[in-house]
Amino acid sequence: MDNIDIKILHELQRNARITNQELSERINLSPTPCARRVKLLEEAGVIKGYSAIIDPEPYGLPVMAFVTVRLAKQAEAEIATFEAAILQLEQVTACYLMSGRQDYLLQVYAASLKDYETFVRNKLTRVIGIAEIETHFAFGQVKRSLLLPVPKNI
């Protein structure tokens, strides 16, 4: 990737619905090479896809929880079982493998505290291999950015 690719990615992160014409003008590149670069970034997997950013509260999911999970065993089979189960839970919008005492950090959305409790009781605690679950509720959001910082090596 070069500086032009970084500029393209920055503009697409700000507005993925931008036209190729407008994108090419913003980065000072003619439309055809600009479109070709976007296609190459998509094919290389740098651009994973495009989506709308939804505000969870008016959407009906005002409760956001960060859930730490520690597995009973960190063996390959247990890790694979846990990760496969988490992929099936639509309430989990993000799952990160972590360093430290906890093995995973999950981001979970729910319609209410009761809805979250039902999710934990009926789905999360039934995932095989979990030794410990700890929930932290977000009272509010101070910052959420989908813009990645510009890499220093470019």
N, C-alpha and C. Protein backbone atom coordinates (compact mmCIF):
# COMPACT_ATOMS: atom_id res chain seq x y z
N MET A 1 0.84 -1.18 0.00
CA MET A 1 0.00 0.00 0.00
C MET A 1 0.88 1.24 0.00
N ASP A 2 0.42 2.23 -0.72
CA ASP A 2 1.14 3.49 -0.75
C ASP A 2 0.23 4.61 -0.23
N ASN A 3 0.71 5.84 -0.33
CA ASN A 3 -0.05 6.98 0.18
C ASN A 3 -1.39 7.16 -0.51
N ILE A 4 -1.47 6.85 -1.78
CA ILE A 4 -2.74 6.98 -2.51
C ILE A 4 -3.75 5.98 -1.97
N ASP A 5 -3.31 4.74 -1.74
CA ASP A 5 -4.21 3.74 -1.16
C ASP A 5 -4.70 4.18 0.22
N ILE A 6 -3.80 4.74 1.01
CA ILE A 6 -4.19 5.22 2.34
C ILE A 6 -5.23 6.34 2.22
N LYS A 7 -5.05 7.24 1.28
CA LYS A 7 -6.03 8.32 1.06
C LYS A 7 -7.38 7.74 0.64
N ILE A 8 -7.36 6.76 -0.25
CA ILE A 8 -8.60 6.10 -0.67
C ILE A 8 -9.30 5.48 0.53
N LEU A 9 -8.56 4.73 1.33
CA LEU A 9 -9.15 4.07 2.49
C LEU A 9 -9.69 5.07 3.50
N HIS A 10 -8.97 6.17 3.69
CA HIS A 10 -9.44 7.20 4.62
C HIS A 10 -10.78 7.77 4.14
N GLU A 11 -10.87 8.09 2.87
CA GLU A 11 -12.11 8.66 2.33
C GLU A 11 -13.25 7.65 2.39
N LEU A 12 -12.98 6.40 2.07
CA LEU A 12 -14.04 5.38 2.12
C LEU A 12 -14.49 5.10 3.55
N GLN A 13 -13.58 5.20 4.52
CA GLN A 13 -13.99 5.05 5.91
C GLN A 13 -14.92 6.20 6.33
N ARG A 14 -14.67 7.37 5.82
CA ARG A 14 -15.51 8.53 6.15
C ARG A 14 -16.87 8.45 5.49
N ASN A 15 -16.91 7.91 4.26
CA ASN A 15 -18.17 7.81 3.53
C ASN A 15 -18.03 6.73 2.45
N ALA A 16 -18.52 5.55 2.75
CA ALA A 16 -18.40 4.43 1.80
C ALA A 16 -19.35 4.57 0.61
N ARG A 17 -20.29 5.51 0.70
CA ARG A 17 -21.25 5.72 -0.39
C ARG A 17 -20.77 6.77 -1.39
N ILE A 18 -19.56 7.26 -1.20
CA ILE A 18 -19.01 8.25 -2.10
C ILE A 18 -18.90 7.67 -3.52
N THR A 19 -19.17 8.48 -4.52
CA THR A 19 -19.04 8.00 -5.90
C THR A 19 -17.57 7.91 -6.26
N ASN A 20 -17.25 7.10 -7.23
CA ASN A 20 -15.87 6.98 -7.69
C ASN A 20 -15.37 8.32 -8.22
N GLN A 21 -16.26 9.07 -8.87
CA GLN A 21 -15.87 10.39 -9.40
C GLN A 21 -15.45 11.32 -8.25
N GLU A 22 -16.27 11.39 -7.22
CA GLU A 22 -15.96 12.25 -6.08
C GLU A 22 -14.70 11.76 -5.35
N LEU A 23 -14.58 10.45 -5.18
CA LEU A 23 -13.40 9.88 -4.53
C LEU A 23 -12.14 10.26 -5.32
N SER A 24 -12.19 10.09 -6.62
CA SER A 24 -11.02 10.39 -7.44
C SER A 24 -10.64 11.87 -7.35
N GLU A 25 -11.65 12.75 -7.26
CA GLU A 25 -11.37 14.19 -7.11
C GLU A 25 -10.72 14.48 -5.76
N ARG A 26 -11.20 13.84 -4.71
CA ARG A 26 -10.67 14.11 -3.37
C ARG A 26 -9.23 13.66 -3.20
N ILE A 27 -8.85 12.60 -3.92
CA ILE A 27 -7.48 12.10 -3.77
C ILE A 27 -6.57 12.50 -4.93
N ASN A 28 -7.12 13.33 -5.85
CA ASN A 28 -6.35 13.84 -6.99
C ASN A 28 -5.81 12.73 -7.89
N LEU A 29 -6.73 11.85 -8.30
CA LEU A 29 -6.40 10.75 -9.20
C LEU A 29 -7.55 10.62 -10.18
N SER A 30 -7.26 10.29 -11.41
CA SER A 30 -8.35 10.17 -12.38
C SER A 30 -9.24 8.97 -12.03
N PRO A 31 -10.51 8.98 -12.47
CA PRO A 31 -11.48 7.96 -12.06
C PRO A 31 -11.10 6.51 -12.35
N THR A 32 -10.56 6.23 -13.52
CA THR A 32 -10.26 4.84 -13.87
C THR A 32 -9.20 4.22 -12.96
N PRO A 33 -8.04 4.88 -12.78
CA PRO A 33 -7.06 4.30 -11.85
C PRO A 33 -7.58 4.24 -10.40
N CYS A 34 -8.42 5.20 -10.03
CA CYS A 34 -9.00 5.20 -8.69
C CYS A 34 -9.87 3.95 -8.50
N ALA A 35 -10.75 3.69 -9.46
CA ALA A 35 -11.63 2.52 -9.39
C ALA A 35 -10.80 1.23 -9.36
N ARG A 36 -9.73 1.20 -10.14
CA ARG A 36 -8.87 0.02 -10.18
C ARG A 36 -8.21 -0.21 -8.82
N ARG A 37 -7.75 0.85 -8.19
CA ARG A 37 -7.13 0.72 -6.87
C ARG A 37 -8.13 0.23 -5.83
N VAL A 38 -9.36 0.76 -5.87
CA VAL A 38 -10.39 0.30 -4.93
C VAL A 38 -10.64 -1.19 -5.13
N LYS A 39 -10.75 -1.61 -6.37
CA LYS A 39 -10.98 -3.03 -6.68
C LYS A 39 -9.82 -3.89 -6.16
N LEU A 40 -8.59 -3.43 -6.33
CA LEU A 40 -7.43 -4.17 -5.84
C LEU A 40 -7.43 -4.25 -4.31
N LEU A 41 -7.83 -3.16 -3.65
CA LEU A 41 -7.91 -3.17 -2.18
C LEU A 41 -8.99 -4.14 -1.70
N GLU A 42 -10.07 -4.23 -2.44
CA GLU A 42 -11.13 -5.20 -2.11
C GLU A 42 -10.63 -6.62 -2.31
N GLU A 43 -10.00 -6.88 -3.46
CA GLU A 43 -9.50 -8.22 -3.76
C GLU A 43 -8.42 -8.67 -2.79
N ALA A 44 -7.62 -7.73 -2.29
CA ALA A 44 -6.56 -8.06 -1.34
C ALA A 44 -7.10 -8.26 0.08
N GLY A 45 -8.38 -7.96 0.28
CA GLY A 45 -8.98 -8.14 1.59
C GLY A 45 -8.74 -6.97 2.54
N VAL A 46 -8.15 -5.89 2.05
CA VAL A 46 -7.97 -4.71 2.89
C VAL A 46 -9.33 -4.08 3.15
N ILE A 47 -10.15 -3.99 2.11
CA ILE A 47 -11.54 -3.56 2.25
C ILE A 47 -12.35 -4.84 2.38
N LYS A 48 -12.93 -5.04 3.57
CA LYS A 48 -13.67 -6.28 3.86
C LYS A 48 -15.12 -6.20 3.42
N GLY A 49 -15.66 -4.99 3.25
CA GLY A 49 -17.06 -4.84 2.85
C GLY A 49 -17.54 -3.44 3.16
N TYR A 50 -18.81 -3.21 2.93
CA TYR A 50 -19.42 -1.91 3.16
C TYR A 50 -20.72 -2.14 3.92
N SER A 51 -21.02 -1.24 4.87
CA SER A 51 -22.26 -1.40 5.62
C SER A 51 -22.73 -0.06 6.17
N ALA A 52 -23.97 -0.04 6.61
CA ALA A 52 -24.53 1.14 7.26
C ALA A 52 -24.20 1.10 8.74
N ILE A 53 -23.98 2.25 9.34
CA ILE A 53 -23.72 2.33 10.78
C ILE A 53 -25.04 2.68 11.44
N ILE A 54 -25.53 1.78 12.28
CA ILE A 54 -26.84 1.91 12.90
C ILE A 54 -26.68 2.35 14.35
N ASP A 55 -27.49 3.32 14.77
CA ASP A 55 -27.53 3.73 16.17
C ASP A 55 -28.33 2.67 16.92
N PRO A 56 -27.72 1.93 17.86
CA PRO A 56 -28.42 0.82 18.50
C PRO A 56 -29.62 1.22 19.34
N GLU A 57 -29.62 2.41 19.94
CA GLU A 57 -30.72 2.78 20.83
C GLU A 57 -32.05 2.93 20.07
N PRO A 58 -32.14 3.79 19.04
CA PRO A 58 -33.42 3.86 18.32
C PRO A 58 -33.75 2.57 17.57
N TYR A 59 -32.74 1.77 17.30
CA TYR A 59 -32.94 0.48 16.64
C TYR A 59 -33.61 -0.52 17.59
N GLY A 60 -33.57 -0.23 18.89
CA GLY A 60 -34.22 -1.10 19.87
C GLY A 60 -33.27 -1.91 20.71
N LEU A 61 -31.97 -1.57 20.68
CA LEU A 61 -30.98 -2.30 21.48
C LEU A 61 -30.17 -1.31 22.31
N PRO A 62 -30.80 -0.71 23.33
CA PRO A 62 -30.12 0.32 24.12
C PRO A 62 -29.10 -0.20 25.13
N VAL A 63 -29.11 -1.48 25.43
CA VAL A 63 -28.20 -2.04 26.43
C VAL A 63 -26.98 -2.63 25.73
N MET A 64 -25.80 -2.10 26.08
CA MET A 64 -24.56 -2.65 25.54
C MET A 64 -23.72 -3.14 26.71
N ALA A 65 -23.25 -4.35 26.58
CA ALA A 65 -22.42 -4.95 27.62
C ALA A 65 -21.11 -5.43 27.02
N PHE A 66 -20.07 -5.29 27.82
CA PHE A 66 -18.79 -5.91 27.50
C PHE A 66 -18.65 -7.09 28.45
N VAL A 67 -18.46 -8.25 27.89
CA VAL A 67 -18.46 -9.47 28.69
C VAL A 67 -17.09 -10.14 28.57
N THR A 68 -16.46 -10.36 29.71
CA THR A 68 -15.20 -11.10 29.68
C THR A 68 -15.50 -12.56 29.97
N VAL A 69 -14.79 -13.42 29.27
CA VAL A 69 -14.99 -14.87 29.40
C VAL A 69 -13.64 -15.52 29.63
N ARG A 70 -13.60 -16.41 30.61
CA ARG A 70 -12.42 -17.24 30.83
C ARG A 70 -12.84 -18.68 30.59
N LEU A 71 -12.07 -19.37 29.79
CA LEU A 71 -12.36 -20.77 29.50
C LEU A 71 -11.80 -21.67 30.60
N ALA A 72 -12.43 -22.82 30.77
CA ALA A 72 -11.95 -23.79 31.75
C ALA A 72 -10.59 -24.36 31.32
N LYS A 73 -10.43 -24.58 30.02
CA LYS A 73 -9.18 -25.08 29.46
C LYS A 73 -8.86 -24.27 28.21
N GLN A 74 -7.59 -24.03 27.98
CA GLN A 74 -7.17 -23.31 26.78
C GLN A 74 -6.62 -24.26 25.71
N ALA A 75 -7.12 -25.46 25.69
CA ALA A 75 -6.70 -26.44 24.69
C ALA A 75 -7.37 -26.10 23.35
N GLU A 76 -6.75 -26.53 22.29
CA GLU A 76 -7.21 -26.19 20.93
C GLU A 76 -8.67 -26.59 20.69
N ALA A 77 -9.06 -27.76 21.15
CA ALA A 77 -10.43 -28.22 20.92
C ALA A 77 -11.45 -27.35 21.66
N GLU A 78 -11.13 -26.97 22.89
CA GLU A 78 -12.04 -26.13 23.67
C GLU A 78 -12.15 -24.73 23.07
N ILE A 79 -11.04 -24.20 22.61
CA ILE A 79 -11.04 -22.88 21.96
C ILE A 79 -11.90 -22.93 20.70
N ALA A 80 -11.72 -23.95 19.89
CA ALA A 80 -12.50 -24.08 18.65
C ALA A 80 -13.99 -24.23 18.94
N THR A 81 -14.34 -25.00 19.95
CA THR A 81 -15.74 -25.19 20.33
C THR A 81 -16.35 -23.87 20.77
N PHE A 82 -15.65 -23.14 21.63
CA PHE A 82 -16.14 -21.86 22.12
C PHE A 82 -16.33 -20.88 20.96
N GLU A 83 -15.32 -20.74 20.12
CA GLU A 83 -15.39 -19.76 19.03
C GLU A 83 -16.50 -20.11 18.04
N ALA A 84 -16.69 -21.38 17.76
CA ALA A 84 -17.78 -21.79 16.86
C ALA A 84 -19.14 -21.45 17.47
N ALA A 85 -19.29 -21.64 18.77
CA ALA A 85 -20.56 -21.32 19.43
C ALA A 85 -20.82 -19.82 19.43
N ILE A 86 -19.79 -19.02 19.68
CA ILE A 86 -19.94 -17.56 19.72
C ILE A 86 -20.36 -17.03 18.35
N LEU A 87 -19.83 -17.62 17.30
CA LEU A 87 -20.20 -17.18 15.95
C LEU A 87 -21.69 -17.36 15.67
N GLN A 88 -22.35 -18.23 16.40
CA GLN A 88 -23.78 -18.48 16.21
C GLN A 88 -24.68 -17.57 17.03
N LEU A 89 -24.11 -16.78 17.94
CA LEU A 89 -24.91 -15.93 18.82
C LEU A 89 -25.03 -14.53 18.24
N GLU A 90 -26.21 -14.18 17.73
CA GLU A 90 -26.37 -12.89 17.06
C GLU A 90 -26.26 -11.70 18.01
N GLN A 91 -26.49 -11.91 19.30
CA GLN A 91 -26.36 -10.81 20.26
C GLN A 91 -24.91 -10.37 20.44
N VAL A 92 -23.97 -11.27 20.14
CA VAL A 92 -22.55 -10.96 20.23
C VAL A 92 -22.13 -10.31 18.91
N THR A 93 -21.81 -9.00 18.99
CA THR A 93 -21.45 -8.28 17.78
C THR A 93 -19.95 -8.21 17.55
N ALA A 94 -19.18 -8.51 18.60
CA ALA A 94 -17.72 -8.55 18.47
C ALA A 94 -17.18 -9.52 19.51
N CYS A 95 -16.12 -10.22 19.13
CA CYS A 95 -15.46 -11.16 20.03
C CYS A 95 -13.96 -11.06 19.79
N TYR A 96 -13.23 -10.78 20.86
CA TYR A 96 -11.79 -10.61 20.76
C TYR A 96 -11.09 -11.62 21.65
N LEU A 97 -10.06 -12.25 21.12
CA LEU A 97 -9.16 -13.11 21.91
C LEU A 97 -8.21 -12.17 22.63
N MET A 98 -8.10 -12.32 23.95
CA MET A 98 -7.37 -11.35 24.77
C MET A 98 -6.15 -11.96 25.44
N SER A 99 -5.25 -11.09 25.81
CA SER A 99 -4.16 -11.49 26.70
C SER A 99 -4.61 -11.22 28.13
N GLY A 100 -3.89 -11.76 29.08
CA GLY A 100 -4.23 -11.52 30.48
C GLY A 100 -5.06 -12.63 31.08
N ARG A 101 -5.72 -12.32 32.19
CA ARG A 101 -6.47 -13.33 32.95
C ARG A 101 -7.69 -13.84 32.18
N GLN A 102 -8.38 -12.97 31.48
CA GLN A 102 -9.56 -13.37 30.72
C GLN A 102 -9.15 -13.77 29.30
N ASP A 103 -9.85 -14.72 28.74
CA ASP A 103 -9.49 -15.22 27.42
C ASP A 103 -10.15 -14.45 26.28
N TYR A 104 -11.40 -13.99 26.51
CA TYR A 104 -12.16 -13.32 25.45
C TYR A 104 -12.87 -12.09 25.99
N LEU A 105 -13.07 -11.14 25.11
CA LEU A 105 -13.90 -9.98 25.39
C LEU A 105 -14.99 -9.95 24.33
N LEU A 106 -16.24 -9.95 24.78
CA LEU A 106 -17.39 -9.93 23.88
C LEU A 106 -18.10 -8.59 23.99
N GLN A 107 -18.64 -8.11 22.89
CA GLN A 107 -19.54 -6.97 22.90
C GLN A 107 -20.92 -7.53 22.60
N VAL A 108 -21.87 -7.22 23.48
CA VAL A 108 -23.21 -7.78 23.38
C VAL A 108 -24.24 -6.65 23.45
N TYR A 109 -25.25 -6.70 22.58
CA TYR A 109 -26.36 -5.75 22.62
C TYR A 109 -27.63 -6.47 23.01
N ALA A 110 -28.49 -5.75 23.77
CA ALA A 110 -29.76 -6.32 24.21
C ALA A 110 -30.82 -5.22 24.26
N ALA A 111 -32.08 -5.63 24.21
CA ALA A 111 -33.20 -4.69 24.26
C ALA A 111 -33.45 -4.18 25.68
N SER A 112 -33.06 -4.97 26.69
CA SER A 112 -33.28 -4.59 28.09
C SER A 112 -32.36 -5.42 28.97
N LEU A 113 -32.32 -5.09 30.23
CA LEU A 113 -31.54 -5.91 31.17
C LEU A 113 -32.12 -7.31 31.27
N LYS A 114 -33.45 -7.41 31.24
CA LYS A 114 -34.10 -8.73 31.27
C LYS A 114 -33.72 -9.54 30.03
N ASP A 115 -33.69 -8.88 28.88
CA ASP A 115 -33.30 -9.53 27.64
C ASP A 115 -31.85 -10.02 27.73
N TYR A 116 -30.98 -9.20 28.32
CA TYR A 116 -29.59 -9.61 28.50
C TYR A 116 -29.51 -10.82 29.43
N GLU A 117 -30.26 -10.77 30.52
CA GLU A 117 -30.27 -11.90 31.47
C GLU A 117 -30.72 -13.17 30.76
N THR A 118 -31.74 -13.08 29.94
CA THR A 118 -32.23 -14.25 29.20
C THR A 118 -31.15 -14.79 28.26
N PHE A 119 -30.44 -13.87 27.59
CA PHE A 119 -29.34 -14.28 26.72
C PHE A 119 -28.28 -15.04 27.51
N VAL A 120 -27.88 -14.51 28.67
CA VAL A 120 -26.85 -15.16 29.47
C VAL A 120 -27.33 -16.52 29.96
N ARG A 121 -28.53 -16.56 30.52
CA ARG A 121 -29.05 -17.82 31.09
C ARG A 121 -29.30 -18.89 30.03
N ASN A 122 -29.86 -18.49 28.89
CA ASN A 122 -30.30 -19.47 27.90
C ASN A 122 -29.31 -19.75 26.78
N LYS A 123 -28.34 -18.88 26.60
CA LYS A 123 -27.40 -19.08 25.50
C LYS A 123 -25.95 -19.09 25.95
N LEU A 124 -25.50 -18.00 26.56
CA LEU A 124 -24.07 -17.89 26.85
C LEU A 124 -23.59 -18.93 27.85
N THR A 125 -24.34 -19.14 28.93
CA THR A 125 -23.89 -20.12 29.93
C THR A 125 -23.98 -21.55 29.43
N ARG A 126 -24.64 -21.75 28.32
CA ARG A 126 -24.73 -23.10 27.75
C ARG A 126 -23.60 -23.42 26.77
N VAL A 127 -22.75 -22.42 26.52
CA VAL A 127 -21.58 -22.67 25.67
C VAL A 127 -20.61 -23.53 26.46
N ILE A 128 -20.25 -24.64 25.89
CA ILE A 128 -19.37 -25.61 26.56
C ILE A 128 -17.97 -25.03 26.75
N GLY A 129 -17.44 -25.21 27.96
CA GLY A 129 -16.06 -24.85 28.23
C GLY A 129 -15.85 -23.53 28.95
N ILE A 130 -16.93 -22.79 29.23
CA ILE A 130 -16.77 -21.51 29.92
C ILE A 130 -16.62 -21.75 31.42
N ALA A 131 -15.57 -21.16 32.01
CA ALA A 131 -15.36 -21.26 33.45
C ALA A 131 -15.88 -20.04 34.18
N GLU A 132 -15.80 -18.88 33.52
CA GLU A 132 -16.16 -17.63 34.20
C GLU A 132 -16.66 -16.60 33.20
N ILE A 133 -17.72 -15.90 33.61
CA ILE A 133 -18.29 -14.81 32.80
C ILE A 133 -18.39 -13.59 33.72
N GLU A 134 -17.97 -12.44 33.22
CA GLU A 134 -18.12 -11.19 33.97
C GLU A 134 -18.64 -10.13 33.01
N THR A 135 -19.69 -9.42 33.43
CA THR A 135 -20.34 -8.42 32.58
C THR A 135 -20.07 -7.02 33.08
N HIS A 136 -19.80 -6.13 32.13
CA HIS A 136 -19.63 -4.70 32.40
C HIS A 136 -20.58 -3.97 31.47
N PHE A 137 -21.53 -3.22 32.04
CA PHE A 137 -22.49 -2.48 31.22
C PHE A 137 -21.96 -1.09 30.91
N ALA A 138 -22.15 -0.68 29.67
CA ALA A 138 -21.77 0.67 29.26
C ALA A 138 -22.91 1.62 29.60
N PHE A 139 -22.61 2.65 30.40
CA PHE A 139 -23.62 3.66 30.74
C PHE A 139 -23.83 4.63 29.59
N GLY A 140 -22.80 4.86 28.83
CA GLY A 140 -22.88 5.79 27.70
C GLY A 140 -21.65 5.62 26.83
N GLN A 141 -21.70 6.27 25.71
CA GLN A 141 -20.60 6.18 24.76
C GLN A 141 -19.92 7.54 24.65
N VAL A 142 -18.65 7.59 24.93
CA VAL A 142 -17.89 8.82 24.84
C VAL A 142 -17.34 9.00 23.44
N LYS A 143 -16.84 7.93 22.86
CA LYS A 143 -16.27 7.98 21.51
C LYS A 143 -16.45 6.64 20.83
N ARG A 144 -16.79 6.70 19.56
CA ARG A 144 -16.81 5.51 18.72
C ARG A 144 -16.42 5.96 17.34
N SER A 145 -15.31 5.51 16.88
CA SER A 145 -14.84 5.89 15.56
C SER A 145 -14.56 4.63 14.76
N LEU A 146 -14.98 4.66 13.53
CA LEU A 146 -14.66 3.56 12.63
C LEU A 146 -13.49 3.92 11.73
N LEU A 147 -12.94 5.13 11.93
CA LEU A 147 -11.78 5.56 11.17
C LEU A 147 -10.51 5.04 11.82
N LEU A 148 -9.78 4.21 11.12
CA LEU A 148 -8.49 3.75 11.63
C LEU A 148 -7.47 4.88 11.49
N PRO A 149 -6.55 5.01 12.43
CA PRO A 149 -5.50 6.04 12.29
C PRO A 149 -4.60 5.72 11.10
N VAL A 150 -3.98 6.73 10.56
CA VAL A 150 -3.07 6.55 9.44
C VAL A 150 -1.81 5.86 9.95
N PRO A 151 -1.41 4.74 9.32
CA PRO A 151 -0.20 4.04 9.75
C PRO A 151 1.04 4.93 9.65
N LYS A 152 1.94 4.81 10.59
CA LYS A 152 3.16 5.63 10.61
C LYS A 152 4.16 5.20 9.56
N ASN A 153 4.06 3.97 9.07
CA ASN A 153 5.05 3.45 8.12
C ASN A 153 4.76 3.85 6.67
N ILE A 154 3.72 4.63 6.45
CA ILE A 154 3.38 5.05 5.07
C ILE A 154 3.85 6.46 4.85
